[in-house]
Amino acid sequence: MTAEGLREFADITGFRGDPHVDVGGNLDPAFETHGTTVLSLRFNKGVLTLADKRATAGNLIMYDQAEKIVSLDDSTVVAISGAFAKSIEVCRFLKHSFKYYRRTVLHEMSLEGKLSEISRALAGNAPMAMQGIGLFLPIVAAYDKKKDEFGVYFFDGAGARFQNGSYACAGSGSERIRGVFEYIARVKGRFETRPLEDVLGDGLQMLDIAAELDSATGGFNKTLPVTRVLDADGNREIPESELQSAADTVLNWRS
């Protein structure tokens, strides 16, 4: 129903309808579908990105199969947290933007250009975010082919960009596990010095902790998390059998 229709219906019946939508047709920010815990970890040959699959709207679990990791191109992977619909919309725009640039000038956009485009998209969304609608915070795993370097980047709601050499996380569950990153790095060594198998175990462990402490983060007892590995050959998902084995190790250790 349109905003005008909602107002007319309210005037005639005195009924204000869905408590999540006002008579102006505006969605209550609490009823937006949100994603929760996403994280990226460097390993010795690239970057591993993981995300749970739960999407929530207020205190409701809306969906347990949400894909929160998007490959923008062969060398750029985005993990999204916050307003799910807006995140997907922006990622689609960025993906087409990168492809259009590549076809127009016949070479790939530089890493700096890609990161600037992401910052610009977030800055353009800032007015909605300030109203409490459409706020999302991505983390980006990227490979700079010219420098042969991997990077992990995170952003604030206004588009400001930050870089961490080893890891990044976002979403409601990320606040519960921020200190764990540093602890693991001090005990086991920096993530970028260790093999993928070890870093995958650590990432799943942190995702499991986030699920235990944050109700909006889904665990992986029933549904395996989303994963994507970025290395010099491109990006790919971890095979289900390998991921299941690593997840079982974490769950068995906990029990």
C-alpha atoms as a PDB file:
ATOM      1  CA  MET A   1       0.000   0.000   0.000  1.00  0.00           C
ATOM      2  CA  THR A   2       1.277   3.494  -0.791  1.00  0.00           C
ATOM      3  CA  ALA A   3       1.904   6.144   1.887  1.00  0.00           C
ATOM      4  CA  GLU A   4      -1.222   7.998   0.717  1.00  0.00           C
ATOM      5  CA  GLY A   5      -3.250   4.811   0.949  1.00  0.00           C
ATOM      6  CA  LEU A   6      -1.977   4.133   4.471  1.00  0.00           C
ATOM      7  CA  ARG A   7      -2.970   7.622   5.631  1.00  0.00           C
ATOM      8  CA  GLU A   8      -6.436   7.310   4.059  1.00  0.00           C
ATOM      9  CA  PHE A   9      -6.966   3.895   5.648  1.00  0.00           C
ATOM     10  CA  ALA A  10      -5.910   5.253   9.045  1.00  0.00           C
ATOM     11  CA  ASP A  11      -8.240   8.239   8.757  1.00  0.00           C
ATOM     12  CA  ILE A  12     -11.256   6.085   7.888  1.00  0.00           C
ATOM     13  CA  THR A  13     -10.757   3.259  10.371  1.00  0.00           C
ATOM     14  CA  GLY A  14      -8.652   4.795  13.095  1.00  0.00           C
ATOM     15  CA  PHE A  15      -6.377   1.751  12.696  1.00  0.00           C
ATOM     16  CA  ARG A  16      -2.682   2.450  12.505  1.00  0.00           C
ATOM     17  CA  GLY A  17      -1.848  -0.905  10.930  1.00  0.00           C
ATOM     18  CA  ASP A  18       1.527  -2.605  11.017  1.00  0.00           C
ATOM     19  CA  PRO A  19       3.460  -1.235  14.009  1.00  0.00           C
ATOM     20  CA  HIS A  20       6.621  -1.457  11.912  1.00  0.00           C
ATOM     21  CA  VAL A  21       5.283   1.001   9.288  1.00  0.00           C
ATOM     22  CA  ASP A  22       3.998   4.469  10.123  1.00  0.00           C
ATOM     23  CA  VAL A  23       1.149   6.173   8.245  1.00  0.00           C
ATOM     24  CA  GLY A  24       3.752   8.078   6.249  1.00  0.00           C
ATOM     25  CA  GLY A  25       4.834   4.781   4.747  1.00  0.00           C
ATOM     26  CA  ASN A  26       8.200   4.822   6.503  1.00  0.00           C
ATOM     27  CA  LEU A  27       9.732   1.573   7.686  1.00  0.00           C
ATOM     28  CA  ASP A  28      10.646   1.326  11.346  1.00  0.00           C
ATOM     29  CA  PRO A  29      14.457   0.933  11.375  1.00  0.00           C
ATOM     30  CA  ALA A  30      14.107  -1.874  13.926  1.00  0.00           C
ATOM     31  CA  PHE A  31      12.224  -3.930  11.340  1.00  0.00           C
ATOM     32  CA  GLU A  32      14.919  -3.762   8.670  1.00  0.00           C
ATOM     33  CA  THR A  33      16.542  -7.066   7.807  1.00  0.00           C
ATOM     34  CA  HIS A  34      20.070  -7.022   9.149  1.00  0.00           C
ATOM     35  CA  GLY A  35      23.150  -9.172   8.859  1.00  0.00           C
ATOM     36  CA  THR A  36      25.368  -9.766  11.867  1.00  0.00           C
ATOM     37  CA  THR A  37      28.921 -11.109  12.277  1.00  0.00           C
ATOM     38  CA  VAL A  38      31.429 -11.057   9.421  1.00  0.00           C
ATOM     39  CA  LEU A  39      35.214 -11.244   9.608  1.00  0.00           C
ATOM     40  CA  SER A  40      38.279 -11.345   7.374  1.00  0.00           C
ATOM     41  CA  LEU A  41      41.589 -12.899   8.374  1.00  0.00           C
ATOM     42  CA  ARG A  42      44.883 -12.818   6.543  1.00  0.00           C
ATOM     43  CA  PHE A  43      46.761 -16.082   6.054  1.00  0.00           C
ATOM     44  CA  ASN A  44      50.162 -16.723   4.509  1.00  0.00           C
ATOM     45  CA  LYS A  45      48.876 -16.793   0.925  1.00  0.00           C
ATOM     46  CA  GLY A  46      45.870 -14.501   0.986  1.00  0.00           C
ATOM     47  CA  VAL A  47      42.728 -13.547   2.921  1.00  0.00           C
ATOM     48  CA  LEU A  48      39.957 -15.717   4.379  1.00  0.00           C
ATOM     49  CA  THR A  49      36.489 -14.163   4.840  1.00  0.00           C
ATOM     50  CA  LEU A  50      33.729 -15.785   6.919  1.00  0.00           C
ATOM     51  CA  ALA A  51      30.164 -14.857   7.807  1.00  0.00           C
ATOM     52  CA  ASP A  52      27.222 -16.411   9.597  1.00  0.00           C
ATOM     53  CA  LYS A  53      23.984 -16.778   7.623  1.00  0.00           C
ATOM     54  CA  ARG A  54      21.436 -15.320  10.042  1.00  0.00           C
ATOM     55  CA  ALA A  55      19.429 -12.245   9.081  1.00  0.00           C
ATOM     56  CA  THR A  56      17.329 -10.564  11.757  1.00  0.00           C
ATOM     57  CA  ALA A  57      14.660  -7.869  11.920  1.00  0.00           C
ATOM     58  CA  GLY A  58      14.378  -6.506  15.432  1.00  0.00           C
ATOM     59  CA  ASN A  59      14.020  -9.563  17.654  1.00  0.00           C
ATOM     60  CA  LEU A  60      12.860 -11.783  14.776  1.00  0.00           C
ATOM     61  CA  ILE A  61      15.011 -14.294  12.936  1.00  0.00           C
ATOM     62  CA  MET A  62      13.961 -13.597   9.358  1.00  0.00           C
ATOM     63  CA  TYR A  63      16.230 -15.950   7.436  1.00  0.00           C
ATOM     64  CA  ASP A  64      19.030 -18.433   8.068  1.00  0.00           C
ATOM     65  CA  GLN A  65      20.450 -18.649   4.546  1.00  0.00           C
ATOM     66  CA  ALA A  66      21.620 -15.082   3.968  1.00  0.00           C
ATOM     67  CA  GLU A  67      24.682 -14.776   1.721  1.00  0.00           C
ATOM     68  CA  LYS A  68      26.733 -11.998   3.274  1.00  0.00           C
ATOM     69  CA  ILE A  69      29.929 -12.331   1.240  1.00  0.00           C
ATOM     70  CA  VAL A  70      30.005 -10.863  -2.264  1.00  0.00           C
ATOM     71  CA  SER A  71      32.766 -11.184  -4.847  1.00  0.00           C
ATOM     72  CA  LEU A  72      32.980  -7.833  -6.668  1.00  0.00           C
ATOM     73  CA  ASP A  73      35.638  -9.177  -9.026  1.00  0.00           C
ATOM     74  CA  ASP A  74      38.483 -11.703  -9.009  1.00  0.00           C
ATOM     75  CA  SER A  75      40.573  -9.654  -6.573  1.00  0.00           C
ATOM     76  CA  THR A  76      37.968  -7.917  -4.362  1.00  0.00           C
ATOM     77  CA  VAL A  77      35.678  -9.548  -1.802  1.00  0.00           C
ATOM     78  CA  VAL A  78      33.158  -7.699   0.381  1.00  0.00           C
ATOM     79  CA  ALA A  79      31.514  -8.983   3.559  1.00  0.00           C
ATOM     80  CA  ILE A  80      28.414  -7.057   4.618  1.00  0.00           C
ATOM     81  CA  SER A  81      26.833  -6.302   7.976  1.00  0.00           C
ATOM     82  CA  GLY A  82      23.895  -4.060   8.789  1.00  0.00           C
ATOM     83  CA  ALA A  83      20.896  -3.422   6.543  1.00  0.00           C
ATOM     84  CA  PHE A  84      20.903  -6.436   4.266  1.00  0.00           C
ATOM     85  CA  ALA A  85      18.817  -5.058   1.384  1.00  0.00           C
ATOM     86  CA  LYS A  86      20.831  -1.848   1.127  1.00  0.00           C
ATOM     87  CA  SER A  87      24.104  -3.767   1.344  1.00  0.00           C
ATOM     88  CA  ILE A  88      23.143  -6.023  -1.573  1.00  0.00           C
ATOM     89  CA  GLU A  89      21.973  -3.027  -3.605  1.00  0.00           C
ATOM     90  CA  VAL A  90      25.284  -1.205  -3.137  1.00  0.00           C
ATOM     91  CA  CYS A  91      27.328  -4.335  -3.855  1.00  0.00           C
ATOM     92  CA  ARG A  92      25.469  -4.852  -7.131  1.00  0.00           C
ATOM     93  CA  PHE A  93      26.165  -1.231  -8.077  1.00  0.00           C
ATOM     94  CA  LEU A  94      29.863  -1.602  -7.257  1.00  0.00           C
ATOM     95  CA  LYS A  95      30.159  -4.864  -9.162  1.00  0.00           C
ATOM     96  CA  HIS A  96      28.686  -3.308 -12.299  1.00  0.00           C
ATOM     97  CA  SER A  97      30.774  -0.169 -11.802  1.00  0.00           C
ATOM     98  CA  PHE A  98      34.018  -2.170 -11.739  1.00  0.00           C
ATOM     99  CA  LYS A  99      32.941  -4.176 -14.786  1.00  0.00           C
ATOM    100  CA  TYR A 100      31.919  -1.045 -16.720  1.00  0.00           C
ATOM    101  CA  TYR A 101      35.261   0.606 -15.991  1.00  0.00           C
ATOM    102  CA  ARG A 102      37.148  -2.494 -17.140  1.00  0.00           C
ATOM    103  CA  ARG A 103      35.215  -2.671 -20.411  1.00  0.00           C
ATOM    104  CA  THR A 104      35.488   1.070 -21.033  1.00  0.00           C
ATOM    105  CA  VAL A 105      39.215   1.623 -20.462  1.00  0.00           C
ATOM    106  CA  LEU A 106      40.276  -1.986 -21.206  1.00  0.00           C
ATOM    107  CA  HIS A 107      42.051  -2.567 -17.912  1.00  0.00           C
ATOM    108  CA  GLU A 108      41.047  -3.187 -14.326  1.00  0.00           C
ATOM    109  CA  MET A 109      40.409  -0.353 -11.903  1.00  0.00           C
ATOM    110  CA  SER A 110      43.231   0.178  -9.415  1.00  0.00           C
ATOM    111  CA  LEU A 111      42.793  -0.947  -5.835  1.00  0.00           C
ATOM    112  CA  GLU A 112      42.792   2.671  -4.682  1.00  0.00           C
ATOM    113  CA  GLY A 113      40.044   3.409  -7.191  1.00  0.00           C
ATOM    114  CA  LYS A 114      37.930   0.484  -5.975  1.00  0.00           C
ATOM    115  CA  LEU A 115      38.286   1.484  -2.341  1.00  0.00           C
ATOM    116  CA  SER A 116      37.395   5.080  -3.226  1.00  0.00           C
ATOM    117  CA  GLU A 117      34.250   3.864  -5.011  1.00  0.00           C
ATOM    118  CA  ILE A 118      33.227   1.912  -1.909  1.00  0.00           C
ATOM    119  CA  SER A 119      33.832   4.968   0.299  1.00  0.00           C
ATOM    120  CA  ARG A 120      31.802   7.115  -2.106  1.00  0.00           C
ATOM    121  CA  ALA A 121      28.892   4.660  -2.011  1.00  0.00           C
ATOM    122  CA  LEU A 122      28.892   4.695   1.795  1.00  0.00           C
ATOM    123  CA  ALA A 123      29.092   8.509   1.885  1.00  0.00           C
ATOM    124  CA  GLY A 124      26.121   8.680  -0.493  1.00  0.00           C
ATOM    125  CA  ASN A 125      24.154   6.476   1.888  1.00  0.00           C
ATOM    126  CA  ALA A 126      25.061   8.571   4.958  1.00  0.00           C
ATOM    127  CA  PRO A 127      21.811  10.654   5.027  1.00  0.00           C
ATOM    128  CA  MET A 128      19.714   7.465   5.251  1.00  0.00           C
ATOM    129  CA  ALA A 129      22.110   5.967   7.804  1.00  0.00           C
ATOM    130  CA  MET A 130      21.769   9.089   9.989  1.00  0.00           C
ATOM    131  CA  GLN A 131      18.012   8.507  10.042  1.00  0.00           C
ATOM    132  CA  GLY A 132      18.625   4.977  11.294  1.00  0.00           C
ATOM    133  CA  ILE A 133      17.623   3.386   7.991  1.00  0.00           C
ATOM    134  CA  GLY A 134      19.933   1.551   5.617  1.00  0.00           C
ATOM    135  CA  LEU A 135      23.062   1.630   7.776  1.00  0.00           C
ATOM    136  CA  PHE A 136      25.589  -0.997   6.732  1.00  0.00           C
ATOM    137  CA  LEU A 137      29.287  -1.485   7.340  1.00  0.00           C
ATOM    138  CA  PRO A 138      31.348  -3.581   4.929  1.00  0.00           C
ATOM    139  CA  ILE A 139      34.767  -5.118   5.315  1.00  0.00           C
ATOM    140  CA  VAL A 140      36.855  -5.616   2.192  1.00  0.00           C
ATOM    141  CA  ALA A 141      39.501  -8.197   1.362  1.00  0.00           C
ATOM    142  CA  ALA A 142      41.554  -7.124  -1.661  1.00  0.00           C
ATOM    143  CA  TYR A 143      44.557  -8.203  -3.688  1.00  0.00           C
ATOM    144  CA  ASP A 144      46.706  -5.525  -5.316  1.00  0.00           C
ATOM    145  CA  LYS A 145      48.093  -7.253  -8.400  1.00  0.00           C
ATOM    146  CA  LYS A 146      50.606  -4.502  -9.162  1.00  0.00           C
ATOM    147  CA  LYS A 147      52.176  -4.619  -5.709  1.00  0.00           C
ATOM    148  CA  ASP A 148      51.437  -8.319  -5.120  1.00  0.00           C
ATOM    149  CA  GLU A 149      49.981  -7.401  -1.721  1.00  0.00           C
ATOM    150  CA  PHE A 150      46.852  -8.378   0.183  1.00  0.00           C
ATOM    151  CA  GLY A 151      44.892  -5.975   2.354  1.00  0.00           C
ATOM    152  CA  VAL A 152      41.957  -6.011   4.766  1.00  0.00           C
ATOM    153  CA  TYR A 153      39.941  -2.794   5.008  1.00  0.00           C
ATOM    154  CA  PHE A 154      36.990  -1.609   7.073  1.00  0.00           C
ATOM    155  CA  PHE A 155      34.827   1.512   6.941  1.00  0.00           C
ATOM    156  CA  ASP A 156      32.607   3.713   9.074  1.00  0.00           C
ATOM    157  CA  GLY A 157      29.098   4.786   8.092  1.00  0.00           C
ATOM    158  CA  ALA A 158      30.337   7.982   6.427  1.00  0.00           C
ATOM    159  CA  GLY A 159      32.772   6.149   4.163  1.00  0.00           C
ATOM    160  CA  ALA A 160      36.030   6.730   6.039  1.00  0.00           C
ATOM    161  CA  ARG A 161      38.469   3.892   5.293  1.00  0.00           C
ATOM    162  CA  PHE A 162      40.777   2.080   7.684  1.00  0.00           C
ATOM    163  CA  GLN A 163      43.245  -0.727   7.164  1.00  0.00           C
ATOM    164  CA  ASN A 164      44.398  -3.527   9.417  1.00  0.00           C
ATOM    165  CA  GLY A 165      47.263  -5.673   8.242  1.00  0.00           C
ATOM    166  CA  SER A 166      45.896  -8.875   9.763  1.00  0.00           C
ATOM    167  CA  TYR A 167      42.125  -8.844  10.302  1.00  0.00           C
ATOM    168  CA  ALA A 168      38.833  -6.959  10.386  1.00  0.00           C
ATOM    169  CA  CYS A 169      35.341  -7.695  11.698  1.00  0.00           C
ATOM    170  CA  ALA A 170      31.924  -6.045  11.645  1.00  0.00           C
ATOM    171  CA  GLY A 171      28.387  -6.660  12.858  1.00  0.00           C
ATOM    172  CA  SER A 172      26.706  -6.963  16.229  1.00  0.00           C
ATOM    173  CA  GLY A 173      28.689 -10.053  17.222  1.00  0.00           C
ATOM    174  CA  SER A 174      32.021  -8.457  16.351  1.00  0.00           C
ATOM    175  CA  GLU A 175      32.065  -6.469  19.587  1.00  0.00           C
ATOM    176  CA  ARG A 176      32.203  -9.747  21.532  1.00  0.00           C
ATOM    177  CA  ILE A 177      35.279 -11.068  19.762  1.00  0.00           C
ATOM    178  CA  ARG A 178      37.515  -8.062  19.051  1.00  0.00           C
ATOM    179  CA  GLY A 179      39.944  -8.910  21.828  1.00  0.00           C
ATOM    180  CA  VAL A 180      40.174 -12.543  20.719  1.00  0.00           C
ATOM    181  CA  PHE A 181      41.937 -11.521  17.499  1.00  0.00           C
ATOM    182  CA  GLU A 182      44.803  -9.941  19.414  1.00  0.00           C
ATOM    183  CA  TYR A 183      45.016 -12.816  21.869  1.00  0.00           C
ATOM    184  CA  ILE A 184      45.308 -15.399  19.087  1.00  0.00           C
ATOM    185  CA  ALA A 185      47.894 -13.318  17.243  1.00  0.00           C
ATOM    186  CA  ARG A 186      50.038 -13.031  20.380  1.00  0.00           C
ATOM    187  CA  VAL A 187      49.764 -16.709  21.282  1.00  0.00           C
ATOM    188  CA  LYS A 188      49.942 -18.363  17.850  1.00  0.00           C
ATOM    189  CA  GLY A 189      51.635 -15.690  15.759  1.00  0.00           C
ATOM    190  CA  ARG A 190      50.264 -13.128  13.328  1.00  0.00           C
ATOM    191  CA  PHE A 191      47.566 -14.492  11.039  1.00  0.00           C
ATOM    192  CA  GLU A 192      49.436 -13.636   7.841  1.00  0.00           C
ATOM    193  CA  THR A 193      52.308 -15.920   8.840  1.00  0.00           C
ATOM    194  CA  ARG A 194      50.142 -19.036   9.249  1.00  0.00           C
ATOM    195  CA  PRO A 195      48.526 -21.503   6.778  1.00  0.00           C
ATOM    196  CA  LEU A 196      44.882 -21.382   5.713  1.00  0.00           C
ATOM    197  CA  GLU A 197      43.915 -24.515   7.663  1.00  0.00           C
ATOM    198  CA  ASP A 198      45.009 -22.995  10.986  1.00  0.00           C
ATOM    199  CA  VAL A 199      43.425 -19.606  10.292  1.00  0.00           C
ATOM    200  CA  LEU A 200      40.149 -21.248   9.244  1.00  0.00           C
ATOM    201  CA  GLY A 201      39.973 -23.011  12.614  1.00  0.00           C
ATOM    202  CA  ASP A 202      40.547 -19.719  14.432  1.00  0.00           C
ATOM    203  CA  GLY A 203      37.925 -17.936  12.333  1.00  0.00           C
ATOM    204  CA  LEU A 204      35.312 -20.592  13.007  1.00  0.00           C
ATOM    205  CA  GLN A 205      36.160 -20.498  16.699  1.00  0.00           C
ATOM    206  CA  MET A 206      35.541 -16.743  16.815  1.00  0.00           C
ATOM    207  CA  LEU A 207      32.319 -17.055  14.823  1.00  0.00           C
ATOM    208  CA  ASP A 208      31.132 -19.702  17.293  1.00  0.00           C
ATOM    209  CA  ILE A 209      31.958 -17.439  20.254  1.00  0.00           C
ATOM    210  CA  ALA A 210      30.073 -14.566  18.611  1.00  0.00           C
ATOM    211  CA  ALA A 211      27.043 -16.842  18.119  1.00  0.00           C
ATOM    212  CA  GLU A 212      27.149 -17.862  21.788  1.00  0.00           C
ATOM    213  CA  LEU A 213      27.259 -14.246  23.021  1.00  0.00           C
ATOM    214  CA  ASP A 214      25.145 -12.453  20.412  1.00  0.00           C
ATOM    215  CA  SER A 215      21.593 -13.608  19.658  1.00  0.00           C
ATOM    216  CA  ALA A 216      21.631 -11.989  16.217  1.00  0.00           C
ATOM    217  CA  THR A 217      24.560 -14.144  15.074  1.00  0.00           C
ATOM    218  CA  GLY A 218      23.739 -17.609  13.807  1.00  0.00           C
ATOM    219  CA  GLY A 219      25.868 -20.586  14.773  1.00  0.00           C
ATOM    220  CA  PHE A 220      26.817 -23.462  12.505  1.00  0.00           C
ATOM    221  CA  ASN A 221      25.268 -26.458  14.241  1.00  0.00           C
ATOM    222  CA  LYS A 222      22.694 -26.662  11.418  1.00  0.00           C
ATOM    223  CA  THR A 223      23.986 -24.388   8.668  1.00  0.00           C
ATOM    224  CA  LEU A 224      27.616 -23.945   7.691  1.00  0.00           C
ATOM    225  CA  PRO A 225      28.842 -20.349   7.489  1.00  0.00           C
ATOM    226  CA  VAL A 226      29.632 -18.556   4.246  1.00  0.00           C
ATOM    227  CA  THR A 227      33.325 -18.556   3.340  1.00  0.00           C
ATOM    228  CA  ARG A 228      35.520 -17.141   0.587  1.00  0.00           C
ATOM    229  CA  VAL A 229      39.255 -17.454   0.099  1.00  0.00           C
ATOM    230  CA  LEU A 230      41.094 -14.730  -1.819  1.00  0.00           C
ATOM    231  CA  ASP A 231      44.581 -15.483  -3.124  1.00  0.00           C
ATOM    232  CA  ALA A 232      46.745 -14.685  -6.136  1.00  0.00           C
ATOM    233  CA  ASP A 233      44.658 -17.046  -8.315  1.00  0.00           C
ATOM    234  CA  GLY A 234      41.332 -15.319  -7.592  1.00  0.00           C
ATOM    235  CA  ASN A 235      38.648 -16.107  -5.016  1.00  0.00           C
ATOM    236  CA  ARG A 236      36.632 -19.213  -4.249  1.00  0.00           C
ATOM    237  CA  GLU A 237      34.527 -20.888  -1.580  1.00  0.00           C
ATOM    238  CA  ILE A 238      36.059 -23.470   0.732  1.00  0.00           C
ATOM    239  CA  PRO A 239      34.807 -26.945  -0.306  1.00  0.00           C
ATOM    240  CA  GLU A 240      31.883 -28.063   1.846  1.00  0.00           C
ATOM    241  CA  SER A 241      33.607 -31.251   3.029  1.00  0.00           C
ATOM    242  CA  GLU A 242      36.673 -29.313   4.186  1.00  0.00           C
ATOM    243  CA  LEU A 243      34.554 -26.668   5.886  1.00  0.00           C
ATOM    244  CA  GLN A 244      32.369 -29.289   7.592  1.00  0.00           C
ATOM    245  CA  SER A 245      35.445 -31.047   8.959  1.00  0.00           C
ATOM    246  CA  ALA A 246      36.827 -27.797  10.408  1.00  0.00           C
ATOM    247  CA  ALA A 247      33.417 -26.873  11.864  1.00  0.00           C
ATOM    248  CA  ASP A 248      33.052 -30.304  13.483  1.00  0.00           C
ATOM    249  CA  THR A 249      36.437 -29.865  15.142  1.00  0.00           C
ATOM    250  CA  VAL A 250      35.319 -26.577  16.697  1.00  0.00           C
ATOM    251  CA  LEU A 251      31.943 -27.957  17.815  1.00  0.00           C
ATOM    252  CA  ASN A 252      33.480 -31.139  19.246  1.00  0.00           C
ATOM    253  CA  TRP A 253      36.039 -29.122  21.169  1.00  0.00           C
ATOM    254  CA  ARG A 254      33.256 -27.002  22.666  1.00  0.00           C
ATOM    255  CA  SER A 255      31.238 -30.057  23.763  1.00  0.00           C
END
